[in-house]
Amino acid sequence: MSWTIDHNAPSPTGYFGFTLYGTDGNILQQMDPYHESGYGEIFIPETIGRIKFDNGGSTDGIHLLINITKNGENLNNLYYCIDCETDSTSLELGRLYLDGDMDVPIDSPNVSNCDRTCDFVAGKRNFAKYTKHINY
């Protein structure tokens, strides 16, 4: 998984953390929320089944571009948000706005808006629609 600040967004830097889960539900990698102003990446040999993004409750919103790749192939279209804000223009993993007070959402295509935390799960889009209220 890699991420970079979306410099096309207003006030792009802010707090961001994540937990990656395997397909069996076990934690593969965890990063506590921290102030991100650039980019990063981690390498996980296992298949990621779920990603939970978290900003630790900060009202410093962050605008990110997220990518999941395996063997050079982008897999973003396999991950869908199950609890994003209703004003999101996309549920597919890619462009993410994460904020504790949602004061600077992007009103443009392909943005998942997340209030403090949100979960992206691997699967079909219809799966995400029907699991919105499941707590992991």
Protein backbone atom coordinates (compact mmCIF):
# COMPACT_ATOMS: atom_id res chain seq x y z
CA MET A 1 0.00 0.00 0.00
CA SER A 2 1.24 3.47 -0.83
CA TRP A 3 -0.09 6.94 -0.14
CA THR A 4 0.68 10.50 -1.10
CA ILE A 5 -0.80 13.87 -0.23
CA ASP A 6 -3.38 15.07 -2.77
CA HIS A 7 -1.89 18.48 -3.58
CA ASN A 8 -4.92 19.30 -5.77
CA ALA A 9 -7.09 19.52 -2.64
CA PRO A 10 -7.47 22.47 -0.25
CA SER A 11 -5.38 22.14 2.94
CA PRO A 12 -4.14 18.65 2.02
CA THR A 13 -1.93 17.68 5.02
CA GLY A 14 -3.27 16.30 8.29
CA TYR A 15 -3.46 13.24 10.56
CA PHE A 16 -3.68 9.71 9.22
CA GLY A 17 -3.19 6.17 10.46
CA PHE A 18 -4.36 2.73 9.40
CA THR A 19 -4.74 -0.92 10.27
CA LEU A 20 -4.43 -3.58 7.58
CA TYR A 21 -6.23 -6.89 8.12
CA GLY A 22 -5.69 -10.16 6.29
CA THR A 23 -8.51 -12.12 4.73
CA ASP A 24 -8.69 -14.14 7.98
CA GLY A 25 -9.23 -10.98 10.07
CA ASN A 26 -5.77 -10.94 11.65
CA ILE A 27 -3.88 -7.64 11.85
CA LEU A 28 -1.10 -7.52 9.26
CA GLN A 29 0.19 -3.99 9.90
CA GLN A 30 -0.82 -1.05 12.04
CA MET A 31 0.29 2.57 12.04
CA ASP A 32 -0.98 4.95 14.70
CA PRO A 33 -2.29 8.32 13.45
CA TYR A 34 0.46 10.86 12.78
CA HIS A 35 0.76 14.13 10.87
CA GLU A 36 1.49 13.28 7.22
CA SER A 37 2.73 15.93 4.82
CA GLY A 38 4.31 13.82 2.09
CA TYR A 39 4.05 10.17 1.11
CA GLY A 40 4.77 6.66 2.28
CA GLU A 41 4.49 3.01 1.47
CA ILE A 42 4.57 -0.37 3.13
CA PHE A 43 5.00 -3.83 1.72
CA ILE A 44 2.78 -6.69 2.89
CA PRO A 45 3.20 -10.16 1.34
CA GLU A 46 -0.28 -11.32 2.44
CA THR A 47 -3.55 -10.38 0.76
CA ILE A 48 -5.25 -7.42 2.45
CA GLY A 49 -8.88 -8.16 3.29
CA ARG A 50 -9.77 -4.90 5.04
CA ILE A 51 -8.22 -1.48 5.64
CA LYS A 52 -9.31 0.74 8.51
CA PHE A 53 -8.21 4.37 8.22
CA ASP A 54 -8.15 6.50 11.38
CA ASN A 55 -7.13 10.09 12.10
CA GLY A 56 -7.22 9.74 15.90
CA GLY A 57 -10.08 12.25 16.16
CA SER A 58 -8.05 15.13 14.76
CA THR A 59 -9.87 18.02 13.08
CA ASP A 60 -6.81 18.49 10.82
CA GLY A 61 -8.29 16.84 7.75
CA ILE A 62 -6.05 15.07 5.27
CA HIS A 63 -6.51 14.54 1.54
CA LEU A 64 -4.73 11.42 0.28
CA LEU A 65 -4.27 9.33 -2.82
CA ILE A 66 -4.12 5.65 -1.78
CA ASN A 67 -2.91 2.76 -3.95
CA ILE A 68 -2.89 -0.98 -3.40
CA THR A 69 -0.72 -2.89 -5.87
CA LYS A 70 0.44 -6.46 -6.27
CA ASN A 71 3.05 -7.49 -8.84
CA GLY A 72 2.70 -4.07 -10.47
CA GLU A 73 -1.10 -4.33 -10.86
CA ASN A 74 -3.30 -1.69 -9.20
CA LEU A 75 -5.99 -3.36 -7.05
CA ASN A 76 -7.87 -0.28 -5.82
CA ASN A 77 -11.03 -1.33 -7.65
CA LEU A 78 -11.27 -4.39 -5.37
CA TYR A 79 -11.74 -2.31 -2.18
CA TYR A 80 -14.97 -0.52 -1.27
CA CYS A 81 -15.86 1.69 1.67
CA ILE A 82 -18.59 0.29 3.90
CA ASP A 83 -19.05 3.32 6.17
CA CYS A 84 -18.05 6.47 4.26
CA GLU A 85 -20.04 9.68 4.51
CA THR A 86 -23.15 9.93 2.35
CA ASP A 87 -21.68 12.89 0.42
CA SER A 88 -18.83 10.71 -0.88
CA THR A 89 -18.58 10.72 -4.66
CA SER A 90 -16.93 7.29 -4.66
CA LEU A 91 -16.85 4.22 -2.46
CA GLU A 92 -13.85 2.77 -4.31
CA LEU A 93 -10.42 3.08 -2.70
CA GLY A 94 -8.28 5.80 -4.24
CA ARG A 95 -8.88 9.42 -3.29
CA LEU A 96 -9.58 9.79 0.45
CA TYR A 97 -10.57 12.72 2.68
CA LEU A 98 -10.22 11.84 6.37
CA ASP A 99 -11.28 14.43 8.97
CA GLY A 100 -12.74 14.57 12.46
CA ASP A 101 -15.07 17.46 11.62
CA MET A 102 -15.50 17.09 7.84
CA ASP A 103 -15.10 20.85 7.27
CA VAL A 104 -13.28 20.73 3.89
CA PRO A 105 -14.78 17.86 1.86
CA ILE A 106 -13.91 17.80 -1.83
CA ASP A 107 -16.93 18.13 -4.07
CA SER A 108 -15.35 16.34 -7.01
CA PRO A 109 -15.45 12.88 -8.57
CA ASN A 110 -13.89 9.82 -6.96
CA VAL A 111 -13.54 11.01 -3.35
CA SER A 112 -14.34 8.89 -0.31
CA ASN A 113 -15.18 11.16 2.65
CA CYS A 114 -14.46 9.63 6.07
CA ASP A 115 -15.39 11.17 9.41
CA ARG A 116 -12.54 10.14 11.76
CA THR A 117 -12.49 6.47 10.66
CA CYS A 118 -13.64 4.36 7.75
CA ASP A 119 -13.29 0.80 6.53
CA PHE A 120 -12.56 -0.46 3.04
CA VAL A 121 -13.16 -4.15 2.43
CA ALA A 122 -12.11 -6.39 -0.42
CA GLY A 123 -15.02 -7.64 -2.47
CA LYS A 124 -17.73 -6.62 -4.84
CA ARG A 125 -19.42 -3.25 -4.60
CA ASN A 126 -22.77 -4.87 -3.80
CA PHE A 127 -21.10 -6.55 -0.82
CA ALA A 128 -20.10 -3.14 0.55
CA LYS A 129 -23.67 -1.83 0.15
CA TYR A 130 -25.13 -4.62 2.26
CA THR A 131 -22.50 -4.62 5.02
CA LYS A 132 -22.57 -0.91 5.89
CA HIS A 133 -23.67 -1.51 9.48
CA ILE A 134 -21.44 -4.46 10.35
CA ASN A 135 -18.94 -3.79 13.14
CA TYR A 136 -15.61 -5.57 12.87
